Amino acid sequence: MASEEKFHVISAKYQGWENEGEDFYFPVNFYSKEEAIAQFVSVEKFTVRNNRIVPYTAYEYDGNTFYTIIYRGIVDESELKYY
């Protein structure tokens, strides 16, 4: 029996989409944990709070901006979420 492929899972919340998010899968045989996380490039953004400009860190991946990313671990192919 062939072994199933394994994937790093990173959950990301879209910037400005009312907490909508998505899980992203990176094959373990191509990406280390650090390389998978590094696909989300940190960028400094600014927002206005209490009439002050405040910097914050966002993340960009595949043309989208996310306000948070979380590394969830490794899953087998059979555990992938298909929509």
N, C-alpha and C. Protein backbone atom coordinates (compact mmCIF):
# COMPACT_ATOMS: atom_id res chain seq x y z
N MET A 1 0.84 -1.19 0.00
CA MET A 1 0.00 0.00 0.00
C MET A 1 0.88 1.26 0.00
N ALA A 2 0.63 2.15 -0.91
CA ALA A 2 1.42 3.38 -1.00
C ALA A 2 1.06 4.31 0.15
N SER A 3 2.07 4.99 0.66
CA SER A 3 1.79 5.93 1.75
C SER A 3 1.15 7.20 1.18
N GLU A 4 0.32 7.81 1.99
CA GLU A 4 -0.35 9.03 1.56
C GLU A 4 0.61 10.20 1.64
N GLU A 5 0.41 11.16 0.76
CA GLU A 5 1.21 12.37 0.81
C GLU A 5 0.82 13.18 2.04
N LYS A 6 1.78 13.88 2.61
CA LYS A 6 1.53 14.71 3.79
C LYS A 6 1.67 16.18 3.41
N PHE A 7 0.92 17.03 4.13
CA PHE A 7 0.90 18.46 3.84
C PHE A 7 1.00 19.27 5.12
N HIS A 8 1.75 20.39 5.05
CA HIS A 8 1.70 21.40 6.10
C HIS A 8 0.40 22.17 5.90
N VAL A 9 -0.28 22.51 7.00
CA VAL A 9 -1.53 23.27 6.91
C VAL A 9 -1.32 24.64 7.56
N ILE A 10 -1.66 25.68 6.81
CA ILE A 10 -1.62 27.04 7.35
C ILE A 10 -3.00 27.65 7.15
N SER A 11 -3.58 28.12 8.26
CA SER A 11 -4.87 28.81 8.21
C SER A 11 -4.60 30.31 8.15
N ALA A 12 -5.33 30.99 7.28
CA ALA A 12 -5.13 32.43 7.12
C ALA A 12 -6.49 33.12 7.08
N LYS A 13 -6.58 34.26 7.76
CA LYS A 13 -7.80 35.08 7.76
C LYS A 13 -7.61 36.25 6.81
N TYR A 14 -8.56 36.41 5.89
CA TYR A 14 -8.48 37.47 4.89
C TYR A 14 -8.63 38.85 5.53
N GLN A 15 -7.87 39.80 5.01
CA GLN A 15 -7.95 41.18 5.46
C GLN A 15 -9.28 41.78 5.01
N GLY A 16 -10.07 42.28 5.95
CA GLY A 16 -11.30 42.98 5.61
C GLY A 16 -12.45 42.12 5.14
N TRP A 17 -12.41 40.81 5.37
CA TRP A 17 -13.48 39.93 4.92
C TRP A 17 -14.29 39.37 6.08
N GLU A 18 -14.41 40.13 7.15
CA GLU A 18 -15.22 39.73 8.31
C GLU A 18 -14.88 38.33 8.81
N ASN A 19 -13.60 38.12 9.08
CA ASN A 19 -13.10 36.87 9.66
C ASN A 19 -13.19 35.66 8.75
N GLU A 20 -13.42 35.87 7.46
CA GLU A 20 -13.40 34.72 6.55
C GLU A 20 -11.95 34.30 6.36
N GLY A 21 -11.76 33.00 6.31
CA GLY A 21 -10.41 32.50 6.15
C GLY A 21 -10.36 31.30 5.24
N GLU A 22 -9.17 30.77 5.11
CA GLU A 22 -8.96 29.63 4.24
C GLU A 22 -7.76 28.85 4.75
N ASP A 23 -7.78 27.55 4.52
CA ASP A 23 -6.63 26.72 4.83
C ASP A 23 -5.82 26.51 3.56
N PHE A 24 -4.50 26.59 3.70
CA PHE A 24 -3.59 26.38 2.58
C PHE A 24 -2.72 25.17 2.89
N TYR A 25 -2.46 24.36 1.87
CA TYR A 25 -1.73 23.10 2.04
C TYR A 25 -0.45 23.12 1.21
N PHE A 26 0.65 22.77 1.85
CA PHE A 26 1.96 22.75 1.21
C PHE A 26 2.57 21.36 1.39
N PRO A 27 2.88 20.66 0.29
CA PRO A 27 3.40 19.29 0.39
C PRO A 27 4.70 19.23 1.20
N VAL A 28 4.74 18.32 2.15
CA VAL A 28 5.91 18.15 3.01
C VAL A 28 7.15 17.77 2.20
N ASN A 29 6.97 17.04 1.11
CA ASN A 29 8.13 16.64 0.33
C ASN A 29 8.73 17.79 -0.49
N PHE A 30 8.06 18.95 -0.54
CA PHE A 30 8.59 20.12 -1.25
C PHE A 30 8.92 21.27 -0.30
N TYR A 31 8.25 21.36 0.84
CA TYR A 31 8.40 22.49 1.76
C TYR A 31 8.69 22.01 3.17
N SER A 32 9.66 22.66 3.83
CA SER A 32 9.83 22.47 5.26
C SER A 32 8.75 23.32 5.93
N LYS A 33 8.58 23.17 7.22
CA LYS A 33 7.62 23.99 7.95
C LYS A 33 7.94 25.47 7.73
N GLU A 34 9.22 25.82 7.87
CA GLU A 34 9.64 27.22 7.74
C GLU A 34 9.40 27.74 6.32
N GLU A 35 9.66 26.90 5.31
CA GLU A 35 9.44 27.32 3.93
C GLU A 35 7.95 27.52 3.64
N ALA A 36 7.11 26.68 4.21
CA ALA A 36 5.65 26.83 4.02
C ALA A 36 5.17 28.14 4.63
N ILE A 37 5.62 28.41 5.84
CA ILE A 37 5.23 29.67 6.51
C ILE A 37 5.76 30.87 5.73
N ALA A 38 6.98 30.75 5.19
CA ALA A 38 7.61 31.85 4.46
C ALA A 38 6.88 32.21 3.17
N GLN A 39 5.96 31.36 2.70
CA GLN A 39 5.18 31.70 1.51
C GLN A 39 4.29 32.91 1.77
N PHE A 40 3.98 33.15 3.03
CA PHE A 40 3.18 34.30 3.45
C PHE A 40 4.15 35.41 3.84
N VAL A 41 4.31 36.39 2.96
CA VAL A 41 5.29 37.45 3.15
C VAL A 41 4.70 38.51 4.08
N SER A 42 5.43 38.82 5.16
CA SER A 42 4.94 39.85 6.08
C SER A 42 5.18 41.23 5.47
N VAL A 43 4.18 42.09 5.62
CA VAL A 43 4.23 43.46 5.12
C VAL A 43 3.70 44.38 6.21
N GLU A 44 4.30 45.56 6.31
CA GLU A 44 3.83 46.53 7.29
C GLU A 44 2.71 47.35 6.67
N LYS A 45 1.59 47.41 7.35
CA LYS A 45 0.43 48.20 6.92
C LYS A 45 0.13 49.20 8.03
N PHE A 46 -0.78 50.12 7.75
CA PHE A 46 -1.14 51.13 8.74
C PHE A 46 -2.66 51.24 8.82
N THR A 47 -3.14 51.55 10.01
CA THR A 47 -4.57 51.78 10.23
C THR A 47 -4.70 52.99 11.15
N VAL A 48 -5.89 53.55 11.21
CA VAL A 48 -6.14 54.69 12.09
C VAL A 48 -6.97 54.22 13.27
N ARG A 49 -6.44 54.46 14.47
CA ARG A 49 -7.15 54.13 15.71
C ARG A 49 -7.07 55.34 16.62
N ASN A 50 -8.21 55.77 17.11
CA ASN A 50 -8.26 56.93 18.01
C ASN A 50 -7.49 58.13 17.43
N ASN A 51 -7.73 58.38 16.16
CA ASN A 51 -7.12 59.50 15.44
C ASN A 51 -5.60 59.42 15.38
N ARG A 52 -5.05 58.22 15.50
CA ARG A 52 -3.61 58.02 15.38
C ARG A 52 -3.34 56.95 14.33
N ILE A 53 -2.28 57.12 13.59
CA ILE A 53 -1.87 56.11 12.61
C ILE A 53 -1.05 55.06 13.35
N VAL A 54 -1.51 53.81 13.24
CA VAL A 54 -0.88 52.71 13.97
C VAL A 54 -0.41 51.65 12.98
N PRO A 55 0.85 51.25 13.05
CA PRO A 55 1.34 50.20 12.15
C PRO A 55 0.92 48.81 12.63
N TYR A 56 0.78 47.88 11.71
CA TYR A 56 0.53 46.48 12.05
C TYR A 56 1.12 45.60 10.96
N THR A 57 1.30 44.34 11.26
CA THR A 57 1.85 43.40 10.30
C THR A 57 0.73 42.62 9.65
N ALA A 58 0.72 42.58 8.33
CA ALA A 58 -0.20 41.75 7.55
C ALA A 58 0.65 40.77 6.77
N TYR A 59 -0.01 39.86 6.07
CA TYR A 59 0.70 38.84 5.30
C TYR A 59 0.11 38.77 3.90
N GLU A 60 0.96 38.62 2.91
CA GLU A 60 0.51 38.51 1.52
C GLU A 60 0.91 37.17 0.95
N TYR A 61 -0.04 36.57 0.24
CA TYR A 61 0.21 35.29 -0.43
C TYR A 61 -0.72 35.19 -1.63
N ASP A 62 -0.17 34.84 -2.76
CA ASP A 62 -0.96 34.58 -3.96
C ASP A 62 -1.90 35.74 -4.30
N GLY A 63 -1.41 36.97 -4.13
CA GLY A 63 -2.19 38.15 -4.49
C GLY A 63 -3.23 38.59 -3.48
N ASN A 64 -3.30 37.91 -2.33
CA ASN A 64 -4.27 38.25 -1.29
C ASN A 64 -3.55 38.75 -0.04
N THR A 65 -4.27 39.54 0.76
CA THR A 65 -3.73 40.05 2.01
C THR A 65 -4.49 39.41 3.17
N PHE A 66 -3.73 38.96 4.17
CA PHE A 66 -4.30 38.30 5.34
C PHE A 66 -3.85 39.04 6.59
N TYR A 67 -4.70 39.09 7.61
CA TYR A 67 -4.29 39.78 8.82
C TYR A 67 -3.74 38.83 9.86
N THR A 68 -3.92 37.53 9.67
CA THR A 68 -3.32 36.57 10.59
C THR A 68 -3.10 35.24 9.87
N ILE A 69 -2.03 34.56 10.26
CA ILE A 69 -1.79 33.21 9.77
C ILE A 69 -1.44 32.33 10.95
N ILE A 70 -1.84 31.06 10.89
CA ILE A 70 -1.57 30.10 11.97
C ILE A 70 -1.12 28.79 11.35
N TYR A 71 0.04 28.32 11.79
CA TYR A 71 0.51 27.01 11.35
C TYR A 71 -0.24 25.95 12.14
N ARG A 72 -0.94 25.03 11.45
CA ARG A 72 -1.79 24.04 12.11
C ARG A 72 -1.13 22.67 12.26
N GLY A 73 -0.05 22.43 11.53
CA GLY A 73 0.61 21.13 11.63
C GLY A 73 0.59 20.41 10.29
N ILE A 74 0.77 19.09 10.38
CA ILE A 74 0.84 18.24 9.19
C ILE A 74 -0.36 17.30 9.15
N VAL A 75 -0.94 17.16 7.97
CA VAL A 75 -2.06 16.23 7.78
C VAL A 75 -1.75 15.29 6.62
N ASP A 76 -2.41 14.14 6.64
CA ASP A 76 -2.33 13.20 5.52
C ASP A 76 -3.28 13.65 4.43
N GLU A 77 -3.04 13.17 3.23
CA GLU A 77 -3.89 13.51 2.09
C GLU A 77 -5.36 13.24 2.38
N SER A 78 -5.65 12.16 3.10
CA SER A 78 -7.04 11.79 3.40
C SER A 78 -7.72 12.80 4.32
N GLU A 79 -6.94 13.63 5.00
CA GLU A 79 -7.50 14.62 5.93
C GLU A 79 -7.72 16.00 5.31
N LEU A 80 -7.37 16.15 4.04
CA LEU A 80 -7.54 17.46 3.39
C LEU A 80 -9.00 17.83 3.31
N LYS A 81 -9.28 19.13 3.44
CA LYS A 81 -10.63 19.64 3.33
C LYS A 81 -10.88 20.02 1.88
N TYR A 82 -11.80 19.34 1.24
CA TYR A 82 -12.16 19.69 -0.13
C TYR A 82 -13.51 20.39 -0.10
N TYR A 83 -13.59 21.50 -0.82
CA TYR A 83 -14.82 22.28 -0.83
C TYR A 83 -15.47 22.20 -2.18
